[in-house]
Amino acid sequence: MNCTHWIGAERRHCHSTKDVRPYLTGPCCPAHTPNALKGLPEAPPGPGMPAAAWTTPSPLNDSRVHDARAVASGKRRSNPQAYRAAQAAVDNHQNGTTS
């Protein structure tokens, strides 16, 4: 991997291959990291991704949860049994009884 930093005064890319790491701006050598270009010290390396990073629920899963009110109102498609059950659950909730 080569450093892709553009050196404007020399009109060329750096192309260094020593200690190049990926950044949002592209692969950079230590002399051209975002902090180095700002004159700031480099942040110490962290522990990496948390152990549960890949096991956390996705927002996509949350969007698939069927809301009883949406099913009962007919705004969300469902089978007839789920439709009747959702209507009963909403009716019970509105009457103050829950099961």
N, C-alpha and C. Protein backbone atom coordinates (compact mmCIF):
# COMPACT_ATOMS: atom_id res chain seq x y z
N MET A 1 0.85 -1.17 0.00
CA MET A 1 0.00 0.00 0.00
C MET A 1 0.90 1.24 0.00
N ASN A 2 0.56 2.21 -0.83
CA ASN A 2 1.35 3.44 -0.94
C ASN A 2 0.59 4.62 -0.36
N CYS A 3 1.31 5.59 0.16
CA CYS A 3 0.72 6.84 0.63
C CYS A 3 0.18 7.60 -0.58
N THR A 4 -1.07 8.04 -0.50
CA THR A 4 -1.69 8.72 -1.64
C THR A 4 -1.77 10.23 -1.44
N HIS A 5 -1.04 10.77 -0.47
CA HIS A 5 -1.07 12.21 -0.21
C HIS A 5 -0.46 12.97 -1.39
N TRP A 6 -1.16 14.03 -1.82
CA TRP A 6 -0.68 14.86 -2.92
C TRP A 6 0.23 15.95 -2.36
N ILE A 7 1.45 16.00 -2.82
CA ILE A 7 2.40 17.04 -2.42
C ILE A 7 2.32 18.11 -3.51
N GLY A 8 1.57 19.17 -3.22
CA GLY A 8 1.28 20.18 -4.21
C GLY A 8 2.50 20.92 -4.71
N ALA A 9 3.46 21.23 -3.81
CA ALA A 9 4.65 21.98 -4.21
C ALA A 9 5.49 21.19 -5.21
N GLU A 10 5.47 19.87 -5.07
CA GLU A 10 6.26 19.02 -5.98
C GLU A 10 5.40 18.43 -7.10
N ARG A 11 4.10 18.68 -7.06
CA ARG A 11 3.15 18.18 -8.04
C ARG A 11 3.26 16.68 -8.26
N ARG A 12 3.21 15.95 -7.12
CA ARG A 12 3.27 14.49 -7.18
C ARG A 12 2.65 13.90 -5.92
N HIS A 13 2.38 12.61 -5.97
CA HIS A 13 1.92 11.88 -4.79
C HIS A 13 3.14 11.42 -3.99
N CYS A 14 2.94 11.20 -2.71
CA CYS A 14 4.05 10.79 -1.84
C CYS A 14 4.59 9.40 -2.23
N HIS A 15 3.73 8.42 -2.36
CA HIS A 15 4.08 7.04 -2.73
C HIS A 15 4.98 6.32 -1.73
N SER A 16 5.10 6.83 -0.50
CA SER A 16 5.88 6.13 0.51
C SER A 16 5.18 4.82 0.86
N THR A 17 5.96 3.78 1.18
CA THR A 17 5.39 2.49 1.55
C THR A 17 5.69 2.11 2.99
N LYS A 18 6.42 2.97 3.71
CA LYS A 18 6.82 2.64 5.08
C LYS A 18 5.74 3.07 6.07
N ASP A 19 5.24 2.13 6.88
CA ASP A 19 4.25 2.35 7.93
C ASP A 19 2.98 3.03 7.42
N VAL A 20 2.54 2.70 6.24
CA VAL A 20 1.33 3.28 5.67
C VAL A 20 0.11 2.61 6.31
N ARG A 21 -0.86 3.45 6.74
CA ARG A 21 -2.10 2.97 7.36
C ARG A 21 -3.29 3.57 6.64
N PRO A 22 -4.43 2.87 6.63
CA PRO A 22 -5.62 3.41 5.98
C PRO A 22 -6.29 4.50 6.83
N TYR A 23 -6.73 5.56 6.20
CA TYR A 23 -7.49 6.64 6.81
C TYR A 23 -8.68 6.94 5.91
N LEU A 24 -9.60 7.78 6.38
CA LEU A 24 -10.74 8.13 5.55
C LEU A 24 -10.31 8.83 4.27
N THR A 25 -9.23 9.58 4.33
CA THR A 25 -8.74 10.30 3.17
C THR A 25 -7.94 9.41 2.23
N GLY A 26 -7.66 8.19 2.64
CA GLY A 26 -6.88 7.26 1.85
C GLY A 26 -5.67 6.79 2.64
N PRO A 27 -4.88 5.88 2.10
CA PRO A 27 -3.69 5.40 2.80
C PRO A 27 -2.68 6.54 2.99
N CYS A 28 -2.14 6.65 4.22
CA CYS A 28 -1.18 7.73 4.53
C CYS A 28 0.01 7.18 5.28
N CYS A 29 1.18 7.76 4.97
CA CYS A 29 2.38 7.45 5.74
C CYS A 29 2.34 8.31 7.01
N PRO A 30 3.20 8.06 8.00
CA PRO A 30 3.17 8.84 9.24
C PRO A 30 3.35 10.35 9.03
N ALA A 31 4.03 10.78 7.97
CA ALA A 31 4.24 12.21 7.74
C ALA A 31 3.01 12.90 7.17
N HIS A 32 2.06 12.11 6.64
CA HIS A 32 0.90 12.72 5.99
C HIS A 32 -0.44 12.31 6.59
N THR A 33 -0.44 11.84 7.83
CA THR A 33 -1.71 11.52 8.48
C THR A 33 -2.48 12.82 8.72
N PRO A 34 -3.78 12.76 8.92
CA PRO A 34 -4.55 13.98 9.17
C PRO A 34 -4.00 14.79 10.35
N ASN A 35 -3.62 14.13 11.44
CA ASN A 35 -3.07 14.87 12.59
C ASN A 35 -1.70 15.45 12.26
N ALA A 36 -0.87 14.74 11.53
CA ALA A 36 0.46 15.25 11.18
C ALA A 36 0.34 16.50 10.30
N LEU A 37 -0.62 16.51 9.39
CA LEU A 37 -0.81 17.67 8.52
C LEU A 37 -1.31 18.88 9.30
N LYS A 38 -2.00 18.65 10.42
CA LYS A 38 -2.48 19.74 11.26
C LYS A 38 -1.45 20.16 12.30
N GLY A 39 -0.35 19.43 12.38
CA GLY A 39 0.68 19.73 13.37
C GLY A 39 0.35 19.19 14.76
N LEU A 40 -0.54 18.21 14.83
CA LEU A 40 -0.94 17.62 16.11
C LEU A 40 -0.25 16.28 16.30
N PRO A 41 -0.06 15.86 17.56
CA PRO A 41 0.52 14.53 17.79
C PRO A 41 -0.46 13.43 17.39
N GLU A 42 0.06 12.30 17.04
CA GLU A 42 -0.78 11.17 16.67
C GLU A 42 -1.50 10.61 17.89
N ALA A 43 -2.71 10.20 17.70
CA ALA A 43 -3.47 9.56 18.78
C ALA A 43 -2.88 8.18 19.03
N PRO A 44 -2.82 7.77 20.30
CA PRO A 44 -2.29 6.43 20.57
C PRO A 44 -3.23 5.38 20.00
N PRO A 45 -2.69 4.26 19.57
CA PRO A 45 -3.56 3.21 19.02
C PRO A 45 -4.52 2.72 20.09
N GLY A 46 -5.75 2.52 19.70
CA GLY A 46 -6.77 2.07 20.65
C GLY A 46 -6.89 0.56 20.66
N PRO A 47 -7.87 0.08 21.41
CA PRO A 47 -8.04 -1.36 21.53
C PRO A 47 -8.65 -2.00 20.30
N GLY A 48 -9.15 -1.21 19.37
CA GLY A 48 -9.79 -1.77 18.18
C GLY A 48 -11.29 -1.81 18.34
N MET A 49 -11.92 -2.63 17.54
CA MET A 49 -13.38 -2.74 17.60
C MET A 49 -13.81 -3.43 18.88
N PRO A 50 -14.91 -2.99 19.49
CA PRO A 50 -15.43 -3.67 20.68
C PRO A 50 -15.81 -5.11 20.34
N ALA A 51 -15.74 -5.98 21.34
CA ALA A 51 -16.02 -7.39 21.10
C ALA A 51 -17.44 -7.60 20.59
N ALA A 52 -18.38 -6.76 21.01
CA ALA A 52 -19.78 -6.94 20.61
C ALA A 52 -20.14 -6.13 19.38
N ALA A 53 -19.16 -5.62 18.67
CA ALA A 53 -19.45 -4.73 17.54
C ALA A 53 -20.28 -5.42 16.46
N TRP A 54 -20.07 -6.70 16.24
CA TRP A 54 -20.80 -7.39 15.18
C TRP A 54 -22.04 -8.09 15.69
N THR A 55 -22.29 -8.04 17.01
CA THR A 55 -23.47 -8.70 17.56
C THR A 55 -24.54 -7.72 17.97
N THR A 56 -24.30 -6.43 17.82
CA THR A 56 -25.32 -5.45 18.17
C THR A 56 -26.44 -5.48 17.15
N PRO A 57 -27.68 -5.26 17.59
CA PRO A 57 -28.79 -5.32 16.64
C PRO A 57 -28.71 -4.21 15.60
N SER A 58 -29.09 -4.55 14.44
CA SER A 58 -29.07 -3.60 13.33
C SER A 58 -30.36 -2.79 13.32
N PRO A 59 -30.31 -1.51 12.93
CA PRO A 59 -31.55 -0.75 12.80
C PRO A 59 -32.50 -1.36 11.77
N LEU A 60 -31.94 -2.13 10.83
CA LEU A 60 -32.80 -2.79 9.85
C LEU A 60 -33.71 -3.81 10.53
N ASN A 61 -33.18 -4.50 11.56
CA ASN A 61 -34.00 -5.46 12.28
C ASN A 61 -35.13 -4.75 13.00
N ASP A 62 -34.87 -3.58 13.57
CA ASP A 62 -35.90 -2.84 14.28
C ASP A 62 -37.01 -2.41 13.34
N SER A 63 -36.68 -2.11 12.09
CA SER A 63 -37.71 -1.67 11.16
C SER A 63 -38.62 -2.81 10.73
N ARG A 64 -38.21 -4.03 10.98
CA ARG A 64 -39.03 -5.18 10.59
C ARG A 64 -40.01 -5.59 11.67
N VAL A 65 -39.90 -4.99 12.84
CA VAL A 65 -40.80 -5.34 13.93
C VAL A 65 -42.19 -4.81 13.59
N HIS A 66 -43.18 -5.68 13.69
CA HIS A 66 -44.53 -5.27 13.34
C HIS A 66 -45.18 -4.57 14.53
N ASP A 67 -45.67 -3.40 14.29
CA ASP A 67 -46.36 -2.63 15.30
C ASP A 67 -47.83 -3.04 15.30
N ALA A 68 -48.36 -3.40 16.45
CA ALA A 68 -49.74 -3.89 16.53
C ALA A 68 -50.72 -2.83 16.03
N ARG A 69 -50.45 -1.58 16.33
CA ARG A 69 -51.37 -0.53 15.88
C ARG A 69 -51.36 -0.38 14.35
N ALA A 70 -50.18 -0.48 13.75
CA ALA A 70 -50.09 -0.36 12.29
C ALA A 70 -50.78 -1.54 11.62
N VAL A 71 -50.64 -2.74 12.19
CA VAL A 71 -51.30 -3.92 11.63
C VAL A 71 -52.80 -3.80 11.82
N ALA A 72 -53.22 -3.37 13.02
CA ALA A 72 -54.66 -3.26 13.31
C ALA A 72 -55.33 -2.20 12.45
N SER A 73 -54.62 -1.15 12.11
CA SER A 73 -55.21 -0.10 11.29
C SER A 73 -55.23 -0.45 9.81
N GLY A 74 -54.51 -1.51 9.44
CA GLY A 74 -54.44 -1.90 8.05
C GLY A 74 -53.32 -1.21 7.30
N LYS A 75 -52.52 -0.39 7.98
CA LYS A 75 -51.41 0.31 7.32
C LYS A 75 -50.24 -0.63 7.04
N ARG A 76 -50.17 -1.72 7.78
CA ARG A 76 -49.11 -2.71 7.57
C ARG A 76 -49.78 -4.02 7.18
N ARG A 77 -49.29 -4.62 6.12
CA ARG A 77 -49.88 -5.87 5.65
C ARG A 77 -49.59 -7.00 6.61
N SER A 78 -50.54 -7.88 6.73
CA SER A 78 -50.35 -9.07 7.56
C SER A 78 -51.39 -10.11 7.14
N ASN A 79 -51.27 -11.30 7.70
CA ASN A 79 -52.27 -12.32 7.40
C ASN A 79 -53.50 -12.05 8.26
N PRO A 80 -54.65 -12.64 7.94
CA PRO A 80 -55.88 -12.34 8.68
C PRO A 80 -55.79 -12.64 10.18
N GLN A 81 -55.08 -13.72 10.54
CA GLN A 81 -54.96 -14.05 11.96
C GLN A 81 -54.19 -12.97 12.72
N ALA A 82 -53.09 -12.50 12.13
CA ALA A 82 -52.30 -11.45 12.78
C ALA A 82 -53.09 -10.15 12.85
N TYR A 83 -53.89 -9.88 11.81
CA TYR A 83 -54.71 -8.66 11.78
C TYR A 83 -55.72 -8.69 12.93
N ARG A 84 -56.43 -9.83 13.10
CA ARG A 84 -57.42 -9.94 14.18
C ARG A 84 -56.75 -9.89 15.55
N ALA A 85 -55.59 -10.53 15.69
CA ALA A 85 -54.88 -10.51 16.98
C ALA A 85 -54.43 -9.09 17.30
N ALA A 86 -53.94 -8.35 16.33
CA ALA A 86 -53.50 -6.98 16.56
C ALA A 86 -54.68 -6.09 16.92
N GLN A 87 -55.83 -6.28 16.25
CA GLN A 87 -57.00 -5.49 16.60
C GLN A 87 -57.44 -5.78 18.03
N ALA A 88 -57.40 -7.04 18.43
CA ALA A 88 -57.77 -7.40 19.80
C ALA A 88 -56.80 -6.79 20.81
N ALA A 89 -55.51 -6.81 20.49
CA ALA A 89 -54.51 -6.24 21.40
C ALA A 89 -54.70 -4.74 21.54
N VAL A 90 -54.99 -4.05 20.44
CA VAL A 90 -55.22 -2.60 20.49
C VAL A 90 -56.50 -2.30 21.25
N ASP A 91 -57.56 -3.09 21.01
CA ASP A 91 -58.83 -2.89 21.73
C ASP A 91 -58.64 -3.11 23.23
N ASN A 92 -57.91 -4.15 23.61
CA ASN A 92 -57.64 -4.42 25.02
C ASN A 92 -56.82 -3.29 25.65
N HIS A 93 -55.89 -2.77 24.90
CA HIS A 93 -55.04 -1.68 25.41
C HIS A 93 -55.85 -0.40 25.60
N GLN A 94 -56.77 -0.12 24.67
CA GLN A 94 -57.59 1.08 24.76
C GLN A 94 -58.62 0.97 25.89
N ASN A 95 -59.07 -0.24 26.17
CA ASN A 95 -60.06 -0.45 27.24
C ASN A 95 -59.40 -0.55 28.61
N GLY A 96 -58.09 -0.54 28.65
CA GLY A 96 -57.38 -0.58 29.93
C GLY A 96 -57.03 -1.96 30.41
N THR A 97 -57.33 -2.97 29.65
CA THR A 97 -56.94 -4.32 30.03
C THR A 97 -55.81 -4.79 29.15
N THR A 98 -54.86 -5.43 29.74
CA THR A 98 -53.76 -6.00 28.98
C THR A 98 -53.63 -7.46 29.35
N SER A 99 -53.18 -8.24 28.43
CA SER A 99 -53.01 -9.67 28.72
C SER A 99 -51.58 -10.06 28.75
